[in-house]
Protein backbone atom coordinates (compact mmCIF):
# COMPACT_ATOMS: atom_id res chain seq x y z
CA UNK A 1 -36.90 -4.75 -10.33
CA UNK A 2 -36.91 -8.52 -10.32
CA UNK A 3 -33.60 -10.11 -9.07
CA UNK A 4 -32.44 -12.86 -11.43
CA UNK A 5 -29.25 -13.67 -9.67
CA UNK A 6 -26.14 -12.38 -7.64
CA UNK A 7 -22.93 -12.09 -9.60
CA UNK A 8 -19.55 -12.05 -7.89
CA UNK A 9 -17.90 -8.55 -7.42
CA UNK A 10 -14.95 -10.00 -5.56
CA UNK A 11 -13.22 -10.70 -2.32
CA UNK A 12 -11.53 -7.44 -1.47
CA UNK A 13 -7.86 -6.99 -0.38
CA UNK A 14 -5.63 -4.12 0.49
CA UNK A 15 -2.75 -2.56 -1.35
CA UNK A 16 -0.61 0.26 -0.20
CA UNK A 17 2.84 1.99 -0.87
CA UNK A 18 4.21 1.79 2.71
CA UNK A 19 4.18 -1.73 4.20
CA UNK A 20 2.78 -5.19 4.41
CA UNK A 21 -0.54 -5.21 6.27
CA UNK A 22 -0.59 -8.37 8.50
CA UNK A 23 -2.77 -7.33 11.43
CA UNK A 24 -5.12 -4.37 11.78
CA UNK A 25 -2.52 -2.38 13.78
CA UNK A 26 -0.41 -2.23 10.52
CA UNK A 27 -3.13 0.07 9.02
CA UNK A 28 -2.67 2.65 11.65
CA UNK A 29 -1.40 5.99 10.24
CA UNK A 30 -2.30 4.97 6.69
CA UNK A 31 -4.91 6.78 4.65
CA UNK A 32 -7.01 4.06 2.65
CA UNK A 33 -9.18 4.86 -0.33
CA UNK A 34 -12.65 3.33 0.08
CA UNK A 35 -15.79 3.56 -1.93
CA UNK A 36 -18.29 5.96 -0.59
CA UNK A 37 -20.01 2.98 1.25
CA UNK A 38 -20.88 3.64 4.85
CA UNK A 39 -20.05 -0.09 5.91
CA UNK A 40 -16.59 -0.19 4.19
CA UNK A 41 -15.80 3.13 5.71
CA UNK A 42 -16.83 1.74 9.22
CA UNK A 43 -14.78 -1.47 8.61
CA UNK A 44 -11.63 0.62 7.87
CA UNK A 45 -12.08 3.02 10.73
CA UNK A 46 -12.58 0.20 13.05
CA UNK A 47 -9.35 -1.48 11.73
CA UNK A 48 -7.54 1.74 12.53
CA UNK A 49 -7.07 3.35 9.05
CA UNK A 50 -7.83 6.71 7.98
CA UNK A 51 -10.43 6.72 5.03
CA UNK A 52 -10.72 8.96 1.86
CA UNK A 53 -13.51 8.53 -0.68
CA UNK A 54 -12.02 9.09 -4.22
CA UNK A 55 -13.75 8.25 -7.36
CA UNK A 56 -12.40 4.92 -8.79
CA UNK A 57 -11.52 6.60 -12.12
CA UNK A 58 -9.18 8.98 -10.06
CA UNK A 59 -7.56 6.40 -7.88
CA UNK A 60 -4.53 5.51 -9.85
CA UNK A 61 -3.45 9.21 -9.92
CA UNK A 62 -4.34 9.75 -6.18
CA UNK A 63 -2.12 6.66 -5.20
CA UNK A 64 0.65 7.99 -7.54
CA UNK A 65 0.64 11.33 -5.97
CA UNK A 66 0.35 10.13 -2.35
CA UNK A 67 -3.08 11.62 -1.75
CA UNK A 68 -3.92 8.26 -0.16
CA UNK A 69 -1.39 5.48 0.89
CA UNK A 70 -3.64 2.44 -0.25
CA UNK A 71 -7.00 1.30 -1.36
CA UNK A 72 -8.96 -1.87 -1.15
CA UNK A 73 -10.23 -3.89 -4.12
CA UNK A 74 -10.64 -7.38 -5.51
CA UNK A 75 -7.42 -8.57 -7.37
CA UNK A 76 -9.28 -8.31 -10.75
CA UNK A 77 -9.83 -4.55 -10.16
CA UNK A 78 -6.25 -4.12 -8.93
CA UNK A 79 -4.87 -5.79 -12.14
CA UNK A 80 -7.15 -4.12 -14.73
CA UNK A 81 -6.55 -0.73 -13.32
CA UNK A 82 -2.81 -1.32 -12.72
CA UNK A 83 -2.96 -0.23 -9.24
CA UNK A 84 -0.13 -2.52 -8.56
CA UNK A 85 2.14 -0.20 -10.49
CA UNK A 86 1.71 2.43 -7.76
CA UNK A 87 1.03 0.10 -4.72
CA UNK A 88 3.83 -2.47 -4.29
CA UNK A 89 2.36 -4.10 -1.06
CA UNK A 90 -0.56 -6.30 -1.61
CA UNK A 91 -2.00 -7.80 1.53
CA UNK A 92 -4.43 -10.55 0.97
CA UNK A 93 -6.87 -9.65 3.84
CA UNK A 94 -10.12 -10.88 2.27
CA UNK A 95 -11.87 -8.35 4.53
CA UNK A 96 -14.90 -8.17 2.63
CA UNK A 97 -16.93 -9.93 -0.21
CA UNK A 98 -19.22 -8.10 -2.55
CA UNK A 99 -21.82 -9.17 -5.03
CA UNK A 100 -23.75 -7.44 -7.78
CA UNK A 101 -27.35 -8.11 -8.31
CA UNK A 102 -28.48 -9.22 -11.74
CA UNK A 103 -31.85 -7.36 -12.20
CA UNK A 104 -34.59 -6.91 -14.65
CA UNK A 105 -37.39 -4.50 -14.91
CA UNK A 106 -40.56 -5.70 -13.24
CA UNK A 107 -42.67 -3.91 -15.85
CA UNK A 108 -40.75 -5.95 -18.60
CA UNK A 109 -40.98 -8.98 -16.50
CA UNK A 110 -44.72 -8.75 -16.20
CA UNK A 111 -45.02 -8.50 -19.94
CA UNK A 112 -43.39 -11.99 -20.38
CA UNK A 113 -45.19 -15.28 -20.73
CA UNK A 114 -44.54 -17.85 -17.95
CA UNK A 115 -42.52 -19.98 -20.44
CA UNK A 116 -40.29 -16.86 -21.17
CA UNK A 117 -39.78 -16.15 -17.69
CA UNK A 118 -38.64 -19.79 -17.10
CA UNK A 119 -36.03 -19.36 -19.86
CA UNK A 120 -34.69 -16.21 -18.51
CA UNK A 121 -34.48 -17.61 -14.84
CA UNK A 122 -32.45 -20.47 -16.21
CA UNK A 123 -30.34 -18.47 -18.59
CA UNK A 124 -29.64 -16.02 -15.77
CA UNK A 125 -28.66 -18.79 -13.42
CA UNK A 126 -26.37 -20.32 -15.93
CA UNK A 127 -24.79 -16.87 -16.72
CA UNK A 128 -24.31 -16.14 -13.09
CA UNK A 129 -22.70 -19.60 -12.46
CA UNK A 130 -20.24 -18.85 -15.48
CA UNK A 131 -19.47 -15.33 -14.30
CA UNK A 132 -18.60 -16.47 -10.75
CA UNK A 133 -16.24 -19.24 -12.28
CA UNK A 134 -14.69 -16.82 -14.68
CA UNK A 135 -14.18 -14.34 -11.82
CA UNK A 136 -12.80 -16.96 -9.51
CA UNK A 137 -10.27 -18.03 -12.44
CA UNK A 138 -9.21 -14.42 -12.95
CA UNK A 139 -8.67 -13.93 -9.19
CA UNK A 140 -6.41 -17.01 -9.04
CA UNK A 141 -4.53 -16.02 -12.07
CA UNK A 142 -3.92 -12.59 -10.70
CA UNK A 143 -2.89 -13.85 -7.35
CA UNK A 144 -0.30 -15.97 -8.82
CA UNK A 145 1.06 -13.23 -11.17
CA UNK A 146 1.37 -10.89 -8.27
CA UNK A 147 3.20 -13.36 -6.22
CA UNK A 148 5.57 -14.02 -9.13
CA UNK A 149 6.26 -10.29 -9.75
CA UNK A 150 9.63 -9.43 -8.08
CA UNK A 151 8.54 -5.81 -7.94
CA UNK A 152 5.51 -6.76 -5.66
CA UNK A 153 5.43 -7.91 -2.06
CA UNK A 154 2.31 -10.10 -1.56
CA UNK A 155 1.38 -11.36 1.97
CA UNK A 156 -1.31 -13.18 3.85
CA UNK A 157 -3.14 -11.08 6.41
CA UNK A 158 -4.40 -12.42 9.70
CA UNK A 159 -8.01 -12.73 8.82
CA UNK A 160 -8.93 -13.76 12.32
CA UNK A 161 -7.55 -10.67 13.71
CA UNK A 162 -9.36 -8.55 10.88
CA UNK A 163 -12.63 -10.22 11.84
CA UNK A 164 -12.03 -9.62 15.57
CA UNK A 165 -11.02 -5.95 14.94
CA UNK A 166 -14.23 -5.19 12.85
CA UNK A 167 -16.77 -7.25 14.91
CA UNK A 168 -18.26 -4.04 16.40
CA UNK A 169 -19.06 -2.91 12.86
CA UNK A 170 -21.51 -5.89 12.59
CA UNK A 171 -22.92 -5.13 15.84
CA UNK A 172 -23.37 -1.42 14.80
CA UNK A 173 -25.10 -2.50 11.66
CA UNK A 174 -27.15 -5.24 13.43
CA UNK A 175 -28.66 -2.45 15.63
CA UNK A 176 -29.91 -0.43 12.59
CA UNK A 177 -33.69 -0.63 11.52
CA UNK A 178 -32.82 -3.36 8.96
CA UNK A 179 -30.65 -5.30 11.45
CA UNK A 180 -32.61 -8.37 10.95
CA UNK A 181 -31.53 -8.48 7.28
CA UNK A 182 -27.93 -7.96 8.26
CA UNK A 183 -28.07 -10.72 10.77
CA UNK A 184 -29.81 -13.17 8.33
CA UNK A 185 -27.09 -12.24 5.56
CA UNK A 186 -24.09 -12.78 8.05
CA UNK A 187 -25.76 -16.17 9.11
CA UNK A 188 -26.03 -17.09 5.44
CA UNK A 189 -22.56 -16.16 4.67
CA UNK A 190 -21.25 -18.30 7.42
CA UNK A 191 -23.39 -21.45 6.28
């Protein structure tokens, strides 16, 4: 695969049906749906939540039936899947950012002329910039809509407390065989 760019998959926030989440201790006793991503599971366990892996397609019903108390996703996903209908508390925790690689087959890439590669690189860069802008615009719009909805309770989480409570996750992942990559990625994100 040839990476052509990185697309925004959103800053993730927490919703639940029980209470506002301001500090990590507010997650104690809650069962939060996470994707089957080991780092996300580690983060939520470090924050004190129980975790459950449920497919995204089954999440709305699982929240509605109380199989889990809450979940974590970007505001765009919360809005498009109407998760706010079954989770009235939206806590802006910004606990994780995700991106999606924009990839092309290396076999196809090698068949292209250098001029065609240049066009594809430039187009991919432009498309990535547009995607990130549109995603940010949508996140801002949904944040405002959620805050204006009297049926919902939106709050800011103490992000410093979340960083502190999940710091050991970084240390754990930095100790893995690919820890140098984790360290470079974290330093790049802080820049």
